[in-house]
């Protein structure tokens, strides 16, 4: 069952109550050192390519699938950048806690374009000319772009970011 059907079934049962979901995000770089971003159709904000894992899906498979579904770009995963939990409240009142596994990736094929209904726009951006991004996205980018960083996780008792 695709994650979207799974979420709809859960929301039918619990309404706007807090739900936890496994998600993935991709920090995708090209050979020019630009990062791939999309402008979300639900809130018009620029963000990393991300999405829910389907039941039974491995995180690496999910991130490859999400990037291709949303942007038509094929990727190779370079490394795990980290795991972080964060809360999201959607405009309709749905509350979620996302357990996000984020990966640093390299584009290996395809031409970036809007490839589904989740994006208004898709583009490559130089790191010194990014559109407005939220603090969470900036933090994921910084962690993934640091070649000396180990995969991030909040230490026991630490609140994360």
Protein backbone atom coordinates (compact mmCIF):
# COMPACT_ATOMS: atom_id res chain seq x y z
CA UNK A 1 0.00 0.00 0.00
CA UNK A 2 1.49 3.41 -0.92
CA UNK A 3 2.19 5.72 2.01
CA UNK A 4 -0.48 8.20 0.84
CA UNK A 5 -3.22 5.54 1.16
CA UNK A 6 -1.80 4.42 4.51
CA UNK A 7 -1.89 8.01 5.84
CA UNK A 8 -5.46 8.58 4.58
CA UNK A 9 -6.60 5.42 6.38
CA UNK A 10 -4.93 6.52 9.62
CA UNK A 11 -6.30 10.07 9.38
CA UNK A 12 -9.83 8.68 8.87
CA UNK A 13 -9.44 6.97 12.25
CA UNK A 14 -7.59 9.57 14.34
CA UNK A 15 -8.41 12.91 12.75
CA UNK A 16 -5.77 15.60 13.38
CA UNK A 17 -4.12 13.82 16.36
CA UNK A 18 -0.35 13.40 16.43
CA UNK A 19 0.96 10.56 14.25
CA UNK A 20 4.56 9.40 13.79
CA UNK A 21 5.89 8.62 10.32
CA UNK A 22 9.21 7.44 8.89
CA UNK A 23 10.45 9.90 6.25
CA UNK A 24 13.50 10.44 4.07
CA UNK A 25 15.17 13.57 2.70
CA UNK A 26 17.74 13.96 -0.06
CA UNK A 27 20.47 16.55 -0.26
CA UNK A 28 21.18 16.10 -3.98
CA UNK A 29 24.24 17.75 -5.53
CA UNK A 30 25.19 18.00 -9.19
CA UNK A 31 28.67 18.26 -10.76
CA UNK A 32 28.53 22.08 -10.46
CA UNK A 33 28.05 21.85 -6.68
CA UNK A 34 24.43 23.02 -6.86
CA UNK A 35 21.68 21.55 -4.67
CA UNK A 36 18.33 20.29 -5.96
CA UNK A 37 15.28 21.88 -4.34
CA UNK A 38 11.57 21.94 -5.03
CA UNK A 39 8.84 24.43 -4.25
CA UNK A 40 6.13 22.50 -2.43
CA UNK A 41 2.58 22.66 -3.78
CA UNK A 42 0.99 22.55 -0.29
CA UNK A 43 2.66 25.69 1.12
CA UNK A 44 4.72 27.19 -1.78
CA UNK A 45 7.93 26.96 0.30
CA UNK A 46 11.25 25.78 -1.13
CA UNK A 47 12.57 22.60 0.44
CA UNK A 48 14.68 19.49 0.04
CA UNK A 49 13.22 16.55 -1.83
CA UNK A 50 11.57 14.40 0.84
CA UNK A 51 8.71 12.07 1.53
CA UNK A 52 7.15 9.26 3.50
CA UNK A 53 8.54 5.77 3.33
CA UNK A 54 6.08 3.19 2.02
CA UNK A 55 5.31 0.31 4.41
CA UNK A 56 8.02 -2.36 4.00
CA UNK A 57 10.36 -0.02 2.09
CA UNK A 58 14.02 0.47 2.99
CA UNK A 59 15.13 4.11 3.55
CA UNK A 60 17.66 4.05 0.69
CA UNK A 61 15.01 2.76 -1.73
CA UNK A 62 12.57 5.42 -0.51
CA UNK A 63 14.96 8.33 -1.05
CA UNK A 64 15.84 7.16 -4.58
CA UNK A 65 12.12 6.75 -5.36
CA UNK A 66 11.11 10.13 -3.91
CA UNK A 67 13.75 12.08 -5.86
CA UNK A 68 12.81 10.44 -9.15
CA UNK A 69 9.05 10.73 -8.52
CA UNK A 70 9.22 14.42 -7.64
CA UNK A 71 11.98 15.66 -9.96
CA UNK A 72 12.78 13.01 -12.66
CA UNK A 73 16.40 13.04 -11.44
CA UNK A 74 18.20 9.75 -10.80
CA UNK A 75 20.61 9.71 -7.86
CA UNK A 76 23.38 7.74 -6.24
CA UNK A 77 23.53 7.86 -2.45
CA UNK A 78 26.94 9.03 -1.23
CA UNK A 79 26.35 8.69 2.49
CA UNK A 80 23.92 8.70 5.35
CA UNK A 81 23.95 12.25 6.72
CA UNK A 82 21.81 11.60 9.78
CA UNK A 83 18.56 10.79 11.53
CA UNK A 84 16.44 13.38 13.27
CA UNK A 85 12.93 13.64 14.68
CA UNK A 86 10.91 16.81 14.08
CA UNK A 87 7.31 17.92 14.45
CA UNK A 88 5.16 19.26 11.62
CA UNK A 89 1.67 20.74 11.74
CA UNK A 90 0.02 21.04 8.33
CA UNK A 91 -2.31 23.85 7.27
CA UNK A 92 -5.33 21.51 7.68
CA UNK A 93 -4.39 20.88 11.35
CA UNK A 94 -2.83 17.43 10.91
CA UNK A 95 -0.02 16.97 13.45
CA UNK A 96 2.92 14.69 12.69
CA UNK A 97 6.21 13.70 14.21
CA UNK A 98 8.55 12.82 11.37
CA UNK A 99 11.49 10.51 12.00
CA UNK A 100 13.63 11.69 9.09
CA UNK A 101 16.58 9.80 7.64
CA UNK A 102 18.54 12.18 5.44
CA UNK A 103 21.11 11.29 2.79
CA UNK A 104 23.75 13.13 0.81
CA UNK A 105 23.28 12.16 -2.82
CA UNK A 106 24.77 12.81 -6.26
CA UNK A 107 22.71 13.32 -9.42
CA UNK A 108 23.61 10.69 -12.02
CA UNK A 109 20.88 11.15 -14.63
CA UNK A 110 17.65 12.80 -15.69
CA UNK A 111 16.72 16.44 -16.16
CA UNK A 112 15.27 18.27 -13.15
CA UNK A 113 11.60 19.11 -13.72
CA UNK A 114 8.27 19.07 -11.93
CA UNK A 115 7.35 15.41 -12.14
CA UNK A 116 4.29 15.12 -9.87
CA UNK A 117 1.62 17.17 -8.11
CA UNK A 118 3.73 17.74 -4.97
CA UNK A 119 5.85 20.48 -6.58
CA UNK A 120 5.18 23.89 -8.11
CA UNK A 121 8.78 24.23 -9.31
CA UNK A 122 12.06 22.30 -9.25
CA UNK A 123 15.56 23.70 -9.67
CA UNK A 124 19.28 23.54 -9.06
CA UNK A 125 20.64 26.28 -6.79
CA UNK A 126 24.22 27.40 -6.04
CA UNK A 127 24.87 27.09 -2.31
CA UNK A 128 25.53 30.84 -2.10
CA UNK A 129 22.23 31.72 -3.85
CA UNK A 130 19.59 29.58 -2.18
CA UNK A 131 15.93 30.64 -2.03
CA UNK A 132 14.43 31.30 1.39
CA UNK A 133 14.60 28.06 3.41
CA UNK A 134 13.48 27.24 6.94
CA UNK A 135 15.99 26.67 9.75
CA UNK A 136 15.45 22.90 9.73
CA UNK A 137 16.39 22.67 6.04
CA UNK A 138 19.48 24.83 6.55
CA UNK A 139 20.59 22.51 9.36
CA UNK A 140 20.15 19.36 7.23
CA UNK A 141 22.09 21.01 4.40
CA UNK A 142 24.97 22.00 6.70
CA UNK A 143 25.25 18.52 8.17
CA UNK A 144 25.11 16.79 4.79
CA UNK A 145 27.60 19.14 3.14
CA UNK A 146 30.24 18.80 5.88
CA UNK A 147 32.62 16.20 4.45
CA UNK A 148 34.10 15.58 7.90
CA UNK A 149 30.83 15.09 9.78
CA UNK A 150 29.70 11.72 11.03
CA UNK A 151 26.00 10.93 10.56
CA UNK A 152 24.02 13.19 12.89
CA UNK A 153 21.74 11.93 15.66
CA UNK A 154 20.59 13.51 18.90
CA UNK A 155 22.50 11.97 21.79
CA UNK A 156 20.45 10.32 24.55
CA UNK A 157 18.76 13.06 26.57
CA UNK A 158 19.51 15.71 23.94
CA UNK A 159 16.56 17.43 22.33
CA UNK A 160 18.02 17.49 18.83
CA UNK A 161 17.35 20.55 16.76
